[in-house]
Amino acid sequence: MKTQAFDHICIAVRDLAQAQAQYEDLLGLTLDGIYEAPSESIRVARYYLNDVALELMEPMTPDCEVARFLDKRGEGVFLISYRVDDVAAGLAELKAKGQRTIDQEPRRLMGTSYAFINMPRETCGVLTEIMDGEFDFSYDDPTGG
């Protein structure tokens, strides 16, 4: 699997509006959009710095992964996503190498395919994701993914 580029970096936050104000004021970021991902129980503010997105993620439920992360570690970098040609092929290649992956099949969200590939303890404390496709705020998936 050849990694092409960083796609996005996610920061887990407790209060999305407060985090937006801080990042926009401190760094002069311009909001690209806000979306909710019911399949992951998160509300997200997305910003672009050239081709890399920065996402501020707030949990929508107290038992989702982002909420558990916040309870255990506090606010901070939650995930780094890497762009690949084909997520399904990447998962198959990792499995063929004997790697255990979190996801066995790609997930779908906003017109993209993605998969979590390693537990954070295996990648220096950061959840690692691979993805393909083009992120699209207008993408309508009736399954919530």
C-alpha atoms as a PDB file:
ATOM      1  CA  MET A   1       0.000   0.000   0.000  1.00  0.00           C
ATOM      2  CA  LYS A   2       1.417   3.326  -1.051  1.00  0.00           C
ATOM      3  CA  THR A   3       0.390   6.308   1.035  1.00  0.00           C
ATOM      4  CA  GLN A   4      -0.132   9.350  -1.200  1.00  0.00           C
ATOM      5  CA  ALA A   5      -0.595  12.224   1.251  1.00  0.00           C
ATOM      6  CA  PHE A   6      -2.104  13.366   4.483  1.00  0.00           C
ATOM      7  CA  ASP A   7      -5.846  13.772   4.070  1.00  0.00           C
ATOM      8  CA  HIS A   8      -6.903  15.153   7.441  1.00  0.00           C
ATOM      9  CA  ILE A   9      -6.030  15.481  11.096  1.00  0.00           C
ATOM     10  CA  CYS A  10      -8.752  15.207  13.740  1.00  0.00           C
ATOM     11  CA  ILE A  11      -8.652  16.900  17.116  1.00  0.00           C
ATOM     12  CA  ALA A  12     -11.093  15.714  19.775  1.00  0.00           C
ATOM     13  CA  VAL A  13     -12.756  18.629  21.595  1.00  0.00           C
ATOM     14  CA  ARG A  14     -15.345  18.916  24.333  1.00  0.00           C
ATOM     15  CA  ASP A  15     -17.018  22.102  23.042  1.00  0.00           C
ATOM     16  CA  LEU A  16     -17.045  22.523  19.273  1.00  0.00           C
ATOM     17  CA  ALA A  17     -18.145  26.174  19.240  1.00  0.00           C
ATOM     18  CA  GLN A  18     -15.432  27.153  21.715  1.00  0.00           C
ATOM     19  CA  ALA A  19     -12.758  25.206  19.812  1.00  0.00           C
ATOM     20  CA  GLN A  20     -13.840  26.817  16.529  1.00  0.00           C
ATOM     21  CA  ALA A  21     -13.538  30.288  18.022  1.00  0.00           C
ATOM     22  CA  GLN A  22     -10.072  29.504  19.381  1.00  0.00           C
ATOM     23  CA  TYR A  23      -8.713  28.016  16.140  1.00  0.00           C
ATOM     24  CA  GLU A  24     -10.272  30.670  13.925  1.00  0.00           C
ATOM     25  CA  ASP A  25      -8.977  33.518  16.103  1.00  0.00           C
ATOM     26  CA  LEU A  26      -5.531  32.036  16.784  1.00  0.00           C
ATOM     27  CA  LEU A  27      -4.732  30.757  13.290  1.00  0.00           C
ATOM     28  CA  GLY A  28      -7.081  32.750  11.083  1.00  0.00           C
ATOM     29  CA  LEU A  29      -8.708  29.581   9.784  1.00  0.00           C
ATOM     30  CA  THR A  30     -11.810  29.838   7.618  1.00  0.00           C
ATOM     31  CA  LEU A  31     -14.519  27.277   8.258  1.00  0.00           C
ATOM     32  CA  ASP A  32     -15.229  25.085   5.247  1.00  0.00           C
ATOM     33  CA  GLY A  33     -18.286  23.499   6.833  1.00  0.00           C
ATOM     34  CA  ILE A  34     -19.833  21.615   9.709  1.00  0.00           C
ATOM     35  CA  TYR A  35     -21.246  18.117   9.431  1.00  0.00           C
ATOM     36  CA  GLU A  36     -22.617  15.398  11.648  1.00  0.00           C
ATOM     37  CA  ALA A  37     -21.726  11.749  11.254  1.00  0.00           C
ATOM     38  CA  PRO A  38     -24.392   9.744  13.109  1.00  0.00           C
ATOM     39  CA  SER A  39     -22.537   6.506  12.298  1.00  0.00           C
ATOM     40  CA  GLU A  40     -19.586   7.776  14.386  1.00  0.00           C
ATOM     41  CA  SER A  41     -21.670   9.950  16.794  1.00  0.00           C
ATOM     42  CA  ILE A  42     -19.639  13.079  16.064  1.00  0.00           C
ATOM     43  CA  ARG A  43     -20.193  16.699  15.066  1.00  0.00           C
ATOM     44  CA  VAL A  44     -17.299  18.104  13.079  1.00  0.00           C
ATOM     45  CA  ALA A  45     -16.010  21.512  11.981  1.00  0.00           C
ATOM     46  CA  ARG A  46     -13.787  21.110   8.903  1.00  0.00           C
ATOM     47  CA  TYR A  47     -11.077  23.515   7.762  1.00  0.00           C
ATOM     48  CA  TYR A  48      -8.635  23.220   4.852  1.00  0.00           C
ATOM     49  CA  LEU A  49      -4.983  24.188   4.792  1.00  0.00           C
ATOM     50  CA  ASN A  50      -4.116  23.630   1.147  1.00  0.00           C
ATOM     51  CA  ASP A  51      -5.059  19.990   0.487  1.00  0.00           C
ATOM     52  CA  VAL A  52      -5.051  18.836   4.116  1.00  0.00           C
ATOM     53  CA  ALA A  53      -8.132  19.178   6.284  1.00  0.00           C
ATOM     54  CA  LEU A  54      -8.190  19.923   9.992  1.00  0.00           C
ATOM     55  CA  GLU A  55     -11.246  18.577  11.772  1.00  0.00           C
ATOM     56  CA  LEU A  56     -12.404  19.575  15.240  1.00  0.00           C
ATOM     57  CA  MET A  57     -14.580  16.718  16.498  1.00  0.00           C
ATOM     58  CA  GLU A  58     -17.136  16.884  19.289  1.00  0.00           C
ATOM     59  CA  PRO A  59     -18.898  13.748  20.560  1.00  0.00           C
ATOM     60  CA  MET A  60     -22.667  13.554  20.094  1.00  0.00           C
ATOM     61  CA  THR A  61     -23.109  10.760  22.646  1.00  0.00           C
ATOM     62  CA  PRO A  62     -21.275   9.973  25.888  1.00  0.00           C
ATOM     63  CA  ASP A  63     -20.342   6.449  24.765  1.00  0.00           C
ATOM     64  CA  CYS A  64     -18.839   7.096  21.316  1.00  0.00           C
ATOM     65  CA  GLU A  65     -15.116   6.674  20.576  1.00  0.00           C
ATOM     66  CA  VAL A  66     -14.392  10.415  20.713  1.00  0.00           C
ATOM     67  CA  ALA A  67     -16.141  10.733  24.102  1.00  0.00           C
ATOM     68  CA  ARG A  68     -14.132   7.799  25.478  1.00  0.00           C
ATOM     69  CA  PHE A  69     -10.938   9.366  24.149  1.00  0.00           C
ATOM     70  CA  LEU A  70     -11.777  12.670  25.864  1.00  0.00           C
ATOM     71  CA  ASP A  71     -12.561  10.903  29.150  1.00  0.00           C
ATOM     72  CA  LYS A  72      -9.288   8.974  29.060  1.00  0.00           C
ATOM     73  CA  ARG A  73      -6.829  11.463  27.517  1.00  0.00           C
ATOM     74  CA  GLY A  74      -8.495  14.873  27.339  1.00  0.00           C
ATOM     75  CA  GLU A  75      -8.618  17.083  24.284  1.00  0.00           C
ATOM     76  CA  GLY A  76      -5.995  16.520  21.627  1.00  0.00           C
ATOM     77  CA  VAL A  77      -5.003  14.828  18.395  1.00  0.00           C
ATOM     78  CA  PHE A  78      -7.326  11.880  17.931  1.00  0.00           C
ATOM     79  CA  LEU A  79      -6.636  10.671  14.416  1.00  0.00           C
ATOM     80  CA  ILE A  80      -4.430  11.152  11.364  1.00  0.00           C
ATOM     81  CA  SER A  81      -5.859  10.098   8.018  1.00  0.00           C
ATOM     82  CA  TYR A  82      -3.719   9.122   5.043  1.00  0.00           C
ATOM     83  CA  ARG A  83      -4.902   9.105   1.439  1.00  0.00           C
ATOM     84  CA  VAL A  84      -4.451   5.849  -0.522  1.00  0.00           C
ATOM     85  CA  ASP A  85      -5.587   4.694  -3.976  1.00  0.00           C
ATOM     86  CA  ASP A  86      -8.010   2.048  -2.711  1.00  0.00           C
ATOM     87  CA  VAL A  87      -8.970   1.404   0.916  1.00  0.00           C
ATOM     88  CA  ALA A  88     -10.263  -2.129   0.285  1.00  0.00           C
ATOM     89  CA  ALA A  89      -7.027  -3.075  -1.499  1.00  0.00           C
ATOM     90  CA  GLY A  90      -5.008  -1.460   1.306  1.00  0.00           C
ATOM     91  CA  LEU A  91      -6.816  -3.515   3.949  1.00  0.00           C
ATOM     92  CA  ALA A  92      -6.256  -6.692   1.919  1.00  0.00           C
ATOM     93  CA  GLU A  93      -2.561  -5.911   1.551  1.00  0.00           C
ATOM     94  CA  LEU A  94      -2.158  -5.263   5.281  1.00  0.00           C
ATOM     95  CA  LYS A  95      -3.933  -8.539   6.109  1.00  0.00           C
ATOM     96  CA  ALA A  96      -1.699 -10.411   3.630  1.00  0.00           C
ATOM     97  CA  LYS A  97       1.309  -9.038   5.532  1.00  0.00           C
ATOM     98  CA  GLY A  98      -0.126 -10.432   8.750  1.00  0.00           C
ATOM     99  CA  GLN A  99      -1.198  -7.051  10.139  1.00  0.00           C
ATOM    100  CA  ARG A 100      -4.288  -6.954  12.310  1.00  0.00           C
ATOM    101  CA  THR A 101      -6.571  -4.083  11.408  1.00  0.00           C
ATOM    102  CA  ILE A 102      -9.394  -2.503  13.387  1.00  0.00           C
ATOM    103  CA  ASP A 103     -11.704  -2.497  10.374  1.00  0.00           C
ATOM    104  CA  GLN A 104     -12.086  -5.579   8.224  1.00  0.00           C
ATOM    105  CA  GLU A 105     -14.040  -3.746   5.519  1.00  0.00           C
ATOM    106  CA  PRO A 106     -14.109  -0.069   4.463  1.00  0.00           C
ATOM    107  CA  ARG A 107     -16.628   2.299   6.062  1.00  0.00           C
ATOM    108  CA  ARG A 108     -18.391   5.057   4.078  1.00  0.00           C
ATOM    109  CA  LEU A 109     -18.862   8.722   4.947  1.00  0.00           C
ATOM    110  CA  MET A 110     -19.535  11.850   2.865  1.00  0.00           C
ATOM    111  CA  GLY A 111     -18.542  10.191  -0.420  1.00  0.00           C
ATOM    112  CA  THR A 112     -15.360   8.592   0.915  1.00  0.00           C
ATOM    113  CA  SER A 113     -14.268   5.111   1.919  1.00  0.00           C
ATOM    114  CA  TYR A 114     -12.139   4.821   5.030  1.00  0.00           C
ATOM    115  CA  ALA A 115     -10.817   2.287   7.506  1.00  0.00           C
ATOM    116  CA  PHE A 116      -9.112   2.425  10.872  1.00  0.00           C
ATOM    117  CA  ILE A 117      -6.023   0.281  10.553  1.00  0.00           C
ATOM    118  CA  ASN A 118      -4.150   0.281  13.858  1.00  0.00           C
ATOM    119  CA  MET A 119      -4.894   0.692  17.525  1.00  0.00           C
ATOM    120  CA  PRO A 120      -3.388   3.942  18.801  1.00  0.00           C
ATOM    121  CA  ARG A 121      -0.943   2.068  21.063  1.00  0.00           C
ATOM    122  CA  GLU A 122       0.592   0.586  17.888  1.00  0.00           C
ATOM    123  CA  THR A 123       1.090   3.966  16.195  1.00  0.00           C
ATOM    124  CA  CYS A 124       2.537   6.216  18.896  1.00  0.00           C
ATOM    125  CA  GLY A 125      -0.811   6.990  20.525  1.00  0.00           C
ATOM    126  CA  VAL A 126      -2.651   8.192  17.403  1.00  0.00           C
ATOM    127  CA  LEU A 127      -5.498   6.366  15.660  1.00  0.00           C
ATOM    128  CA  THR A 128      -4.491   5.750  12.031  1.00  0.00           C
ATOM    129  CA  GLU A 129      -6.941   5.853   9.148  1.00  0.00           C
ATOM    130  CA  ILE A 130      -6.623   5.276   5.418  1.00  0.00           C
ATOM    131  CA  MET A 131      -9.116   6.739   2.971  1.00  0.00           C
ATOM    132  CA  ASP A 132      -9.990   7.232  -0.676  1.00  0.00           C
ATOM    133  CA  GLY A 133     -12.644   9.191  -2.534  1.00  0.00           C
ATOM    134  CA  GLU A 134     -13.528  12.857  -2.443  1.00  0.00           C
ATOM    135  CA  PHE A 135     -15.085  14.383   0.664  1.00  0.00           C
ATOM    136  CA  ASP A 136     -18.411  16.015  -0.180  1.00  0.00           C
ATOM    137  CA  PHE A 137     -20.580  17.902   2.322  1.00  0.00           C
ATOM    138  CA  SER A 138     -23.604  17.457   0.057  1.00  0.00           C
ATOM    139  CA  TYR A 139     -23.286  13.668  -0.096  1.00  0.00           C
ATOM    140  CA  ASP A 140     -26.523  12.158   1.153  1.00  0.00           C
ATOM    141  CA  ASP A 141     -26.289   8.617   2.482  1.00  0.00           C
ATOM    142  CA  PRO A 142     -29.582   7.386   3.937  1.00  0.00           C
ATOM    143  CA  THR A 143     -27.719   4.892   6.138  1.00  0.00           C
ATOM    144  CA  GLY A 144     -25.977   7.740   7.986  1.00  0.00           C
ATOM    145  CA  GLY A 145     -22.560   6.714   6.736  1.00  0.00           C
END
